[in-house]
PDB file of N, CA and C in Angstrom:
ATOM      1  N   MET A   1     153.166  36.392  -8.170  1.00  0.00           N
ATOM      2  CA  MET A   1     152.743  36.037  -6.825  1.00  0.00           C
ATOM      3  C   MET A   1     153.829  36.478  -5.858  1.00  0.00           C
ATOM      4  N   ILE A   2     153.452  37.281  -4.890  1.00  0.00           N
ATOM      5  CA  ILE A   2     154.373  37.679  -3.828  1.00  0.00           C
ATOM      6  C   ILE A   2     154.353  36.585  -2.761  1.00  0.00           C
ATOM      7  N   ILE A   3     155.535  36.149  -2.329  1.00  0.00           N
ATOM      8  CA  ILE A   3     155.630  35.143  -1.278  1.00  0.00           C
ATOM      9  C   ILE A   3     156.491  35.715  -0.165  1.00  0.00           C
ATOM     10  N   SER A   4     155.950  35.721   1.047  1.00  0.00           N
ATOM     11  CA  SER A   4     156.646  36.293   2.191  1.00  0.00           C
ATOM     12  C   SER A   4     156.682  35.299   3.350  1.00  0.00           C
ATOM     13  N   THR A   5     157.832  35.216   4.008  1.00  0.00           N
ATOM     14  CA  THR A   5     157.935  34.347   5.185  1.00  0.00           C
ATOM     15  C   THR A   5     157.345  35.017   6.423  1.00  0.00           C
ATOM     16  N   THR A   6     157.144  36.327   6.355  1.00  0.00           N
ATOM     17  CA  THR A   6     156.526  37.041   7.472  1.00  0.00           C
ATOM     18  C   THR A   6     155.013  37.033   7.288  1.00  0.00           C
ATOM     19  N   HIS A   7     154.300  37.591   8.238  1.00  0.00           N
ATOM     20  CA  HIS A   7     152.838  37.590   8.157  1.00  0.00           C
ATOM     21  C   HIS A   7     152.287  38.865   7.537  1.00  0.00           C
ATOM     22  N   GLU A   8     153.149  39.551   6.800  1.00  0.00           N
ATOM     23  CA  GLU A   8     152.732  40.747   6.073  1.00  0.00           C
ATOM     24  C   GLU A   8     153.595  40.885   4.838  1.00  0.00           C
ATOM     25  N   VAL A   9     153.183  41.765   3.953  1.00  0.00           N
ATOM     26  CA  VAL A   9     153.989  42.121   2.795  1.00  0.00           C
ATOM     27  C   VAL A   9     154.385  43.575   3.022  1.00  0.00           C
ATOM     28  N   VAL A  10     155.657  43.791   3.238  1.00  0.00           N
ATOM     29  CA  VAL A  10     156.135  45.131   3.568  1.00  0.00           C
ATOM     30  C   VAL A  10     155.728  46.118   2.473  1.00  0.00           C
ATOM     31  N   GLY A  11     155.111  47.211   2.913  1.00  0.00           N
ATOM     32  CA  GLY A  11     154.701  48.252   1.979  1.00  0.00           C
ATOM     33  C   GLY A  11     153.353  48.021   1.323  1.00  0.00           C
ATOM     34  N   LYS A  12     152.701  46.916   1.661  1.00  0.00           N
ATOM     35  CA  LYS A  12     151.393  46.599   1.074  1.00  0.00           C
ATOM     36  C   LYS A  12     150.392  46.338   2.189  1.00  0.00           C
ATOM     37  N   LYS A  13     149.166  46.742   1.972  1.00  0.00           N
ATOM     38  CA  LYS A  13     148.102  46.485   2.929  1.00  0.00           C
ATOM     39  C   LYS A  13     147.381  45.191   2.541  1.00  0.00           C
ATOM     40  N   VAL A  14     147.204  44.309   3.516  1.00  0.00           N
ATOM     41  CA  VAL A  14     146.443  43.076   3.274  1.00  0.00           C
ATOM     42  C   VAL A  14     144.967  43.436   3.270  1.00  0.00           C
ATOM     43  N   LEU A  15     144.294  43.178   2.151  1.00  0.00           N
ATOM     44  CA  LEU A  15     142.881  43.514   1.990  1.00  0.00           C
ATOM     45  C   LEU A  15     141.965  42.371   2.419  1.00  0.00           C
ATOM     46  N   GLU A  16     142.460  41.132   2.235  1.00  0.00           N
ATOM     47  CA  GLU A  16     141.611  39.968   2.535  1.00  0.00           C
ATOM     48  C   GLU A  16     142.475  38.737   2.763  1.00  0.00           C
ATOM     49  N   HIS A  17     142.133  37.953   3.775  1.00  0.00           N
ATOM     50  CA  HIS A  17     142.751  36.650   3.984  1.00  0.00           C
ATOM     51  C   HIS A  17     141.912  35.626   3.230  1.00  0.00           C
ATOM     52  N   VAL A  18     142.528  34.947   2.279  1.00  0.00           N
ATOM     53  CA  VAL A  18     141.814  33.985   1.444  1.00  0.00           C
ATOM     54  C   VAL A  18     141.804  32.606   2.098  1.00  0.00           C
ATOM     55  N   GLY A  19     142.913  32.222   2.724  1.00  0.00           N
ATOM     56  CA  GLY A  19     142.957  30.942   3.421  1.00  0.00           C
ATOM     57  C   GLY A  19     144.251  30.189   3.226  1.00  0.00           C
ATOM     58  N   TYR A  20     144.315  29.057   3.875  1.00  0.00           N
ATOM     59  CA  TYR A  20     145.479  28.170   3.848  1.00  0.00           C
ATOM     60  C   TYR A  20     145.682  27.594   2.452  1.00  0.00           C
ATOM     61  N   VAL A  21     146.930  27.590   2.009  1.00  0.00           N
ATOM     62  CA  VAL A  21     147.281  26.961   0.729  1.00  0.00           C
ATOM     63  C   VAL A  21     148.526  26.104   0.928  1.00  0.00           C
ATOM     64  N   LYS A  22     148.625  25.057   0.124  1.00  0.00           N
ATOM     65  CA  LYS A  22     149.783  24.174   0.223  1.00  0.00           C
ATOM     66  C   LYS A  22     150.059  23.512  -1.115  1.00  0.00           C
ATOM     67  N   GLY A  23     151.255  23.027  -1.229  1.00  0.00           N
ATOM     68  CA  GLY A  23     151.655  22.229  -2.381  1.00  0.00           C
ATOM     69  C   GLY A  23     152.678  21.226  -1.893  1.00  0.00           C
ATOM     70  N   SER A  24     152.654  20.025  -2.428  1.00  0.00           N
ATOM     71  CA  SER A  24     153.621  19.034  -1.967  1.00  0.00           C
ATOM     72  C   SER A  24     154.013  18.096  -3.094  1.00  0.00           C
ATOM     73  N   THR A  25     155.092  17.387  -2.853  1.00  0.00           N
ATOM     74  CA  THR A  25     155.542  16.343  -3.756  1.00  0.00           C
ATOM     75  C   THR A  25     156.316  15.312  -2.940  1.00  0.00           C
ATOM     76  N   VAL A  26     156.259  14.076  -3.354  1.00  0.00           N
ATOM     77  CA  VAL A  26     157.035  13.016  -2.720  1.00  0.00           C
ATOM     78  C   VAL A  26     158.046  12.541  -3.759  1.00  0.00           C
ATOM     79  N   ARG A  27     159.295  12.533  -3.373  1.00  0.00           N
ATOM     80  CA  ARG A  27     160.375  12.142  -4.279  1.00  0.00           C
ATOM     81  C   ARG A  27     161.109  10.945  -3.697  1.00  0.00           C
ATOM     82  N   ALA A  28     161.528  10.042  -4.566  1.00  0.00           N
ATOM     83  CA  ALA A  28     162.271   8.858  -4.145  1.00  0.00           C
ATOM     84  C   ALA A  28     163.673   8.889  -4.734  1.00  0.00           C
ATOM     85  N   LYS A  29     164.588   8.311  -4.009  1.00  0.00           N
ATOM     86  CA  LYS A  29     165.968   8.180  -4.496  1.00  0.00           C
ATOM     87  C   LYS A  29     165.977   7.174  -5.646  1.00  0.00           C
ATOM     88  N   HIS A  30     166.969   7.284  -6.508  1.00  0.00           N
ATOM     89  CA  HIS A  30     167.112   6.245  -7.520  1.00  0.00           C
ATOM     90  C   HIS A  30     168.502   5.611  -7.398  1.00  0.00           C
ATOM     91  N   VAL A  31     168.670   4.452  -7.963  1.00  0.00           N
ATOM     92  CA  VAL A  31     169.858   3.627  -7.762  1.00  0.00           C
ATOM     93  C   VAL A  31     171.151   4.371  -8.074  1.00  0.00           C
ATOM     94  N   GLY A  32     171.184   5.123  -9.153  1.00  0.00           N
ATOM     95  CA  GLY A  32     172.398   5.869  -9.516  1.00  0.00           C
ATOM     96  C   GLY A  32     172.806   6.844  -8.430  1.00  0.00           C
ATOM     97  N   ARG A  33     171.821   7.511  -7.859  1.00  0.00           N
ATOM     98  CA  ARG A  33     172.119   8.453  -6.773  1.00  0.00           C
ATOM     99  C   ARG A  33     172.579   7.706  -5.526  1.00  0.00           C
ATOM    100  N   ASP A  34     171.997   6.554  -5.267  1.00  0.00           N
ATOM    101  CA  ASP A  34     172.392   5.769  -4.087  1.00  0.00           C
ATOM    102  C   ASP A  34     173.844   5.304  -4.182  1.00  0.00           C
ATOM    103  N   ILE A  35     174.275   4.896  -5.363  1.00  0.00           N
ATOM    104  CA  ILE A  35     175.659   4.448  -5.540  1.00  0.00           C
ATOM    105  C   ILE A  35     176.610   5.615  -5.292  1.00  0.00           C
ATOM    106  N   ALA A  36     176.324   6.762  -5.895  1.00  0.00           N
ATOM    107  CA  ALA A  36     177.168   7.946  -5.692  1.00  0.00           C
ATOM    108  C   ALA A  36     177.158   8.367  -4.230  1.00  0.00           C
ATOM    109  N   ALA A  37     176.005   8.307  -3.593  1.00  0.00           N
ATOM    110  CA  ALA A  37     175.881   8.701  -2.188  1.00  0.00           C
ATOM    111  C   ALA A  37     176.700   7.787  -1.291  1.00  0.00           C
ATOM    112  N   SER A  38     176.735   6.500  -1.600  1.00  0.00           N
ATOM    113  CA  SER A  38     177.492   5.578  -0.757  1.00  0.00           C
ATOM    114  C   SER A  38     178.981   5.909  -0.784  1.00  0.00           C
ATOM    115  N   PHE A  39     179.500   6.358  -1.940  1.00  0.00           N
ATOM    116  CA  PHE A  39     180.904   6.769  -2.009  1.00  0.00           C
ATOM    117  C   PHE A  39     181.137   8.053  -1.219  1.00  0.00           C
ATOM    118  N   LYS A  40     180.178   8.972  -1.271  1.00  0.00           N
ATOM    119  CA  LYS A  40     180.314  10.237  -0.545  1.00  0.00           C
ATOM    120  C   LYS A  40     180.314  10.014   0.960  1.00  0.00           C
ATOM    121  N   THR A  41     179.575   9.018   1.426  1.00  0.00           N
ATOM    122  CA  THR A  41     179.569   8.761   2.873  1.00  0.00           C
ATOM    123  C   THR A  41     180.917   8.215   3.337  1.00  0.00           C
ATOM    124  N   ILE A  42     181.656   7.610   2.439  1.00  0.00           N
ATOM    125  CA  ILE A  42     182.991   7.104   2.778  1.00  0.00           C
ATOM    126  C   ILE A  42     184.017   8.227   2.720  1.00  0.00           C
ATOM    127  N   PHE A  43     183.977   9.012   1.636  1.00  0.00           N
ATOM    128  CA  PHE A  43     185.007  10.022   1.399  1.00  0.00           C
ATOM    129  C   PHE A  43     184.598  11.428   1.814  1.00  0.00           C
ATOM    130  N   GLY A  44     183.316  11.645   2.056  1.00  0.00           N
ATOM    131  CA  GLY A  44     182.837  12.973   2.452  1.00  0.00           C
ATOM    132  C   GLY A  44     182.526  13.845   1.248  1.00  0.00           C
ATOM    133  N   GLY A  45     181.796  14.909   1.482  1.00  0.00           N
ATOM    134  CA  GLY A  45     181.470  15.853   0.421  1.00  0.00           C
ATOM    135  C   GLY A  45     179.980  15.928   0.157  1.00  0.00           C
ATOM    136  N   GLU A  46     179.618  16.898  -0.659  1.00  0.00           N
ATOM    137  CA  GLU A  46     178.212  17.115  -1.003  1.00  0.00           C
ATOM    138  C   GLU A  46     177.719  16.013  -1.920  1.00  0.00           C
ATOM    139  N   ILE A  47     176.507  15.576  -1.695  1.00  0.00           N
ATOM    140  CA  ILE A  47     175.871  14.576  -2.552  1.00  0.00           C
ATOM    141  C   ILE A  47     175.009  15.360  -3.538  1.00  0.00           C
ATOM    142  N   LYS A  48     175.619  15.758  -4.651  1.00  0.00           N
ATOM    143  CA  LYS A  48     174.982  16.686  -5.589  1.00  0.00           C
ATOM    144  C   LYS A  48     173.702  16.133  -6.196  1.00  0.00           C
ATOM    145  N   GLY A  49     173.632  14.841  -6.405  1.00  0.00           N
ATOM    146  CA  GLY A  49     172.409  14.249  -6.962  1.00  0.00           C
ATOM    147  C   GLY A  49     171.220  14.477  -6.046  1.00  0.00           C
ATOM    148  N   TYR A  50     171.431  14.348  -4.733  1.00  0.00           N
ATOM    149  CA  TYR A  50     170.357  14.576  -3.767  1.00  0.00           C
ATOM    150  C   TYR A  50     170.040  16.064  -3.647  1.00  0.00           C
ATOM    151  N   THR A  51     171.074  16.896  -3.714  1.00  0.00           N
ATOM    152  CA  THR A  51     170.851  18.345  -3.662  1.00  0.00           C
ATOM    153  C   THR A  51     169.963  18.778  -4.818  1.00  0.00           C
ATOM    154  N   GLU A  52     170.266  18.286  -6.016  1.00  0.00           N
ATOM    155  CA  GLU A  52     169.450  18.614  -7.194  1.00  0.00           C
ATOM    156  C   GLU A  52     168.028  18.089  -7.038  1.00  0.00           C
ATOM    157  N   MET A  53     167.883  16.858  -6.529  1.00  0.00           N
ATOM    158  CA  MET A  53     166.562  16.268  -6.348  1.00  0.00           C
ATOM    159  C   MET A  53     165.732  17.105  -5.373  1.00  0.00           C
ATOM    160  N   MET A  54     166.337  17.542  -4.267  1.00  0.00           N
ATOM    161  CA  MET A  54     165.606  18.321  -3.271  1.00  0.00           C
ATOM    162  C   MET A  54     165.288  19.727  -3.789  1.00  0.00           C
ATOM    163  N   ASN A  55     166.185  20.339  -4.554  1.00  0.00           N
ATOM    164  CA  ASN A  55     165.888  21.644  -5.157  1.00  0.00           C
ATOM    165  C   ASN A  55     164.698  21.542  -6.106  1.00  0.00           C
ATOM    166  N   GLU A  56     164.686  20.505  -6.916  1.00  0.00           N
ATOM    167  CA  GLU A  56     163.570  20.284  -7.840  1.00  0.00           C
ATOM    168  C   GLU A  56     162.273  20.054  -7.068  1.00  0.00           C
ATOM    169  N   ALA A  57     162.329  19.279  -6.001  1.00  0.00           N
ATOM    170  CA  ALA A  57     161.142  18.998  -5.189  1.00  0.00           C
ATOM    171  C   ALA A  57     160.597  20.291  -4.572  1.00  0.00           C
ATOM    172  N   ARG A  58     161.478  21.156  -4.066  1.00  0.00           N
ATOM    173  CA  ARG A  58     161.029  22.428  -3.493  1.00  0.00           C
ATOM    174  C   ARG A  58     160.349  23.283  -4.549  1.00  0.00           C
ATOM    175  N   GLN A  59     160.929  23.350  -5.746  1.00  0.00           N
ATOM    176  CA  GLN A  59     160.323  24.133  -6.829  1.00  0.00           C
ATOM    177  C   GLN A  59     158.941  23.615  -7.185  1.00  0.00           C
ATOM    178  N   ILE A  60     158.778  22.320  -7.242  1.00  0.00           N
ATOM    179  CA  ILE A  60     157.474  21.720  -7.565  1.00  0.00           C
ATOM    180  C   ILE A  60     156.464  22.044  -6.471  1.00  0.00           C
ATOM    181  N   ALA A  61     156.851  21.866  -5.203  1.00  0.00           N
ATOM    182  CA  ALA A  61     155.938  22.123  -4.089  1.00  0.00           C
ATOM    183  C   ALA A  61     155.505  23.587  -4.054  1.00  0.00           C
ATOM    184  N   VAL A  62     156.449  24.510  -4.225  1.00  0.00           N
ATOM    185  CA  VAL A  62     156.109  25.940  -4.226  1.00  0.00           C
ATOM    186  C   VAL A  62     155.208  26.265  -5.414  1.00  0.00           C
ATOM    187  N   GLY A  63     155.499  25.704  -6.571  1.00  0.00           N
ATOM    188  CA  GLY A  63     154.665  25.931  -7.752  1.00  0.00           C
ATOM    189  C   GLY A  63     153.230  25.475  -7.542  1.00  0.00           C
ATOM    190  N   ARG A  64     153.056  24.342  -6.911  1.00  0.00           N
ATOM    191  CA  ARG A  64     151.707  23.825  -6.640  1.00  0.00           C
ATOM    192  C   ARG A  64     150.974  24.704  -5.622  1.00  0.00           C
ATOM    193  N   MET A  65     151.704  25.214  -4.635  1.00  0.00           N
ATOM    194  CA  MET A  65     151.102  26.110  -3.649  1.00  0.00           C
ATOM    195  C   MET A  65     150.641  27.402  -4.332  1.00  0.00           C
ATOM    196  N   VAL A  66     151.470  27.947  -5.202  1.00  0.00           N
ATOM    197  CA  VAL A  66     151.129  29.174  -5.927  1.00  0.00           C
ATOM    198  C   VAL A  66     149.901  28.943  -6.808  1.00  0.00           C
ATOM    199  N   GLU A  67     149.839  27.819  -7.493  1.00  0.00           N
ATOM    200  CA  GLU A  67     148.670  27.495  -8.329  1.00  0.00           C
ATOM    201  C   GLU A  67     147.391  27.488  -7.500  1.00  0.00           C
ATOM    202  N   GLU A  68     147.452  26.885  -6.312  1.00  0.00           N
ATOM    203  CA  GLU A  68     146.273  26.835  -5.443  1.00  0.00           C
ATOM    204  C   GLU A  68     145.864  28.242  -5.005  1.00  0.00           C
ATOM    205  N   ALA A  69     146.847  29.068  -4.670  1.00  0.00           N
ATOM    206  CA  ALA A  69     146.556  30.448  -4.246  1.00  0.00           C
ATOM    207  C   ALA A  69     145.927  31.241  -5.388  1.00  0.00           C
ATOM    208  N   GLU A  70     146.451  31.068  -6.598  1.00  0.00           N
ATOM    209  CA  GLU A  70     145.892  31.768  -7.770  1.00  0.00           C
ATOM    210  C   GLU A  70     144.452  31.344  -8.027  1.00  0.00           C
ATOM    211  N   LYS A  71     144.165  30.054  -7.888  1.00  0.00           N
ATOM    212  CA  LYS A  71     142.799  29.561  -8.094  1.00  0.00           C
ATOM    213  C   LYS A  71     141.824  30.182  -7.098  1.00  0.00           C
ATOM    214  N   LYS A  72     142.324  30.530  -5.914  1.00  0.00           N
ATOM    215  CA  LYS A  72     141.489  31.143  -4.889  1.00  0.00           C
ATOM    216  C   LYS A  72     141.418  32.664  -5.026  1.00  0.00           C
ATOM    217  N   GLY A  73     142.110  33.211  -6.030  1.00  0.00           N
ATOM    218  CA  GLY A  73     142.055  34.651  -6.277  1.00  0.00           C
ATOM    219  C   GLY A  73     143.052  35.482  -5.499  1.00  0.00           C
ATOM    220  N   ALA A  74     144.032  34.847  -4.882  1.00  0.00           N
ATOM    221  CA  ALA A  74     145.037  35.575  -4.103  1.00  0.00           C
ATOM    222  C   ALA A  74     146.133  36.129  -5.006  1.00  0.00           C
ATOM    223  N   ASN A  75     146.791  37.167  -4.519  1.00  0.00           N
ATOM    224  CA  ASN A  75     147.947  37.687  -5.253  1.00  0.00           C
ATOM    225  C   ASN A  75     149.213  37.686  -4.383  1.00  0.00           C
ATOM    226  N   ALA A  76     149.115  37.082  -3.182  1.00  0.00           N
ATOM    227  CA  ALA A  76     150.273  36.956  -2.302  1.00  0.00           C
ATOM    228  C   ALA A  76     150.057  35.798  -1.336  1.00  0.00           C
ATOM    229  N   ILE A  77     151.174  35.325  -0.789  1.00  0.00           N
ATOM    230  CA  ILE A  77     151.148  34.281   0.233  1.00  0.00           C
ATOM    231  C   ILE A  77     152.031  34.773   1.367  1.00  0.00           C
ATOM    232  N   VAL A  78     151.485  34.775   2.580  1.00  0.00           N
ATOM    233  CA  VAL A  78     152.255  35.179   3.749  1.00  0.00           C
ATOM    234  C   VAL A  78     152.432  33.989   4.688  1.00  0.00           C
ATOM    235  N   GLY A  79     153.396  34.101   5.589  1.00  0.00           N
ATOM    236  CA  GLY A  79     153.650  33.000   6.522  1.00  0.00           C
ATOM    237  C   GLY A  79     154.170  31.763   5.818  1.00  0.00           C
ATOM    238  N   PHE A  80     154.877  31.949   4.708  1.00  0.00           N
ATOM    239  CA  PHE A  80     155.368  30.837   3.890  1.00  0.00           C
ATOM    240  C   PHE A  80     156.369  29.977   4.665  1.00  0.00           C
ATOM    241  N   ARG A  81     156.201  28.670   4.553  1.00  0.00           N
ATOM    242  CA  ARG A  81     157.108  27.712   5.175  1.00  0.00           C
ATOM    243  C   ARG A  81     157.327  26.524   4.234  1.00  0.00           C
ATOM    244  N   LEU A  82     158.481  25.897   4.385  1.00  0.00           N
ATOM    245  CA  LEU A  82     158.808  24.641   3.707  1.00  0.00           C
ATOM    246  C   LEU A  82     159.118  23.605   4.781  1.00  0.00           C
ATOM    247  N   GLN A  83     158.680  22.386   4.548  1.00  0.00           N
ATOM    248  CA  GLN A  83     158.940  21.319   5.507  1.00  0.00           C
ATOM    249  C   GLN A  83     159.186  20.029   4.746  1.00  0.00           C
ATOM    250  N   SER A  84     160.017  19.177   5.304  1.00  0.00           N
ATOM    251  CA  SER A  84     160.247  17.875   4.672  1.00  0.00           C
ATOM    252  C   SER A  84     160.085  16.780   5.710  1.00  0.00           C
ATOM    253  N   SER A  85     159.736  15.604   5.219  1.00  0.00           N
ATOM    254  CA  SER A  85     159.609  14.453   6.104  1.00  0.00           C
ATOM    255  C   SER A  85     159.811  13.178   5.294  1.00  0.00           C
ATOM    256  N   ALA A  86     160.284  12.157   5.973  1.00  0.00           N
ATOM    257  CA  ALA A  86     160.430  10.847   5.340  1.00  0.00           C
ATOM    258  C   ALA A  86     159.075  10.161   5.392  1.00  0.00           C
ATOM    259  N   VAL A  87     158.606   9.683   4.243  1.00  0.00           N
ATOM    260  CA  VAL A  87     157.310   9.004   4.214  1.00  0.00           C
ATOM    261  C   VAL A  87     157.476   7.482   4.153  1.00  0.00           C
ATOM    262  N   MET A  88     158.652   7.054   3.715  1.00  0.00           N
ATOM    263  CA  MET A  88     159.012   5.639   3.704  1.00  0.00           C
ATOM    264  C   MET A  88     160.506   5.568   3.442  1.00  0.00           C
ATOM    265  N   SER A  89     161.074   4.418   3.544  1.00  0.00           N
ATOM    266  CA  SER A  89     162.503   4.273   3.313  1.00  0.00           C
ATOM    267  C   SER A  89     162.846   4.703   1.888  1.00  0.00           C
ATOM    268  N   GLY A  90     163.708   5.696   1.765  1.00  0.00           N
ATOM    269  CA  GLY A  90     164.142   6.145   0.450  1.00  0.00           C
ATOM    270  C   GLY A  90     163.245   7.165  -0.215  1.00  0.00           C
ATOM    271  N   ALA A  91     162.197   7.654   0.466  1.00  0.00           N
ATOM    272  CA  ALA A  91     161.300   8.645  -0.132  1.00  0.00           C
ATOM    273  C   ALA A  91     161.001   9.752   0.874  1.00  0.00           C
ATOM    274  N   SER A  92     160.997  10.987   0.387  1.00  0.00           N
ATOM    275  CA  SER A  92     160.727  12.146   1.239  1.00  0.00           C
ATOM    276  C   SER A  92     159.646  13.013   0.621  1.00  0.00           C
ATOM    277  N   GLU A  93     158.871  13.637   1.500  1.00  0.00           N
ATOM    278  CA  GLU A  93     157.865  14.609   1.059  1.00  0.00           C
ATOM    279  C   GLU A  93     158.388  16.009   1.358  1.00  0.00           C
ATOM    280  N   ILE A  94     158.180  16.900   0.416  1.00  0.00           N
ATOM    281  CA  ILE A  94     158.426  18.322   0.628  1.00  0.00           C
ATOM    282  C   ILE A  94     157.064  18.981   0.554  1.00  0.00           C
ATOM    283  N   ILE A  95     156.744  19.800   1.544  1.00  0.00           N
ATOM    284  CA  ILE A  95     155.487  20.537   1.531  1.00  0.00           C
ATOM    285  C   ILE A  95     155.790  22.021   1.695  1.00  0.00           C
ATOM    286  N   ALA A  96     155.143  22.818   0.867  1.00  0.00           N
ATOM    287  CA  ALA A  96     155.211  24.275   0.953  1.00  0.00           C
ATOM    288  C   ALA A  96     153.830  24.738   1.374  1.00  0.00           C
ATOM    289  N   TYR A  97     153.755  25.654   2.356  1.00  0.00           N
ATOM    290  CA  TYR A  97     152.445  26.101   2.807  1.00  0.00           C
ATOM    291  C   TYR A  97     152.501  27.527   3.330  1.00  0.00           C
ATOM    292  N   GLY A  98     151.338  28.142   3.393  1.00  0.00           N
ATOM    293  CA  GLY A  98     151.218  29.502   3.893  1.00  0.00           C
ATOM    294  C   GLY A  98     149.770  29.942   3.838  1.00  0.00           C
ATOM    295  N   THR A  99     149.565  31.241   4.033  1.00  0.00           N
ATOM    296  CA  THR A  99     148.231  31.817   3.991  1.00  0.00           C
ATOM    297  C   THR A  99     148.104  32.681   2.750  1.00  0.00           C
ATOM    298  N   ALA A 100     147.148  32.350   1.900  1.00  0.00           N
ATOM    299  CA  ALA A 100     146.896  33.140   0.702  1.00  0.00           C
ATOM    300  C   ALA A 100     146.131  34.409   1.102  1.00  0.00           C
ATOM    301  N   VAL A 101     146.569  35.535   0.548  1.00  0.00           N
ATOM    302  CA  VAL A 101     145.926  36.808   0.843  1.00  0.00           C
ATOM    303  C   VAL A 101     145.798  37.632  -0.434  1.00  0.00           C
ATOM    304  N   LYS A 102     144.960  38.645  -0.354  1.00  0.00           N
ATOM    305  CA  LYS A 102     144.885  39.663  -1.393  1.00  0.00           C
ATOM    306  C   LYS A 102     145.486  40.924  -0.798  1.00  0.00           C
ATOM    307  N   VAL A 103     146.500  41.467  -1.495  1.00  0.00           N
ATOM    308  CA  VAL A 103     147.118  42.712  -1.051  1.00  0.00           C
ATOM    309  C   VAL A 103     146.836  43.798  -2.081  1.00  0.00           C
ATOM    310  N   GLU A 104     146.938  45.019  -1.648  1.00  0.00           N
ATOM    311  CA  GLU A 104     146.732  46.128  -2.578  1.00  0.00           C
ATOM    312  C   GLU A 104     147.777  46.074  -3.681  1.00  0.00           C
ATOM    313  N   GLU A 105     147.360  46.454  -4.854  1.00  0.00           N
ATOM    314  CA  GLU A 105     148.284  46.422  -6.027  1.00  0.00           C
ATOM    315  C   GLU A 105     149.280  47.546  -5.972  1.00  0.00           C
TER     316      GLU A 105
END
């Protein structure tokens, strides 16, 4: 699956716009990460547990978006974006979205 942040795939002709596709996941913090994070807020530095959690969440969201595009018969996604939001205290949603298209092989 080709994924592009622009509205085209360089060097390929878009043959058909299939439609909007998205994938998302909601992830919550866990106690071990909260304890480590509280020390980092005092002493400074990267909160690696949260970085890993968010990287995993992005991978899941993109994977779900790609699955939806494949089910619709697309071979590329253009206009790709990632967005996050807090859905409740201690939980965030990551959403990946774009436009599924068919491009020349």
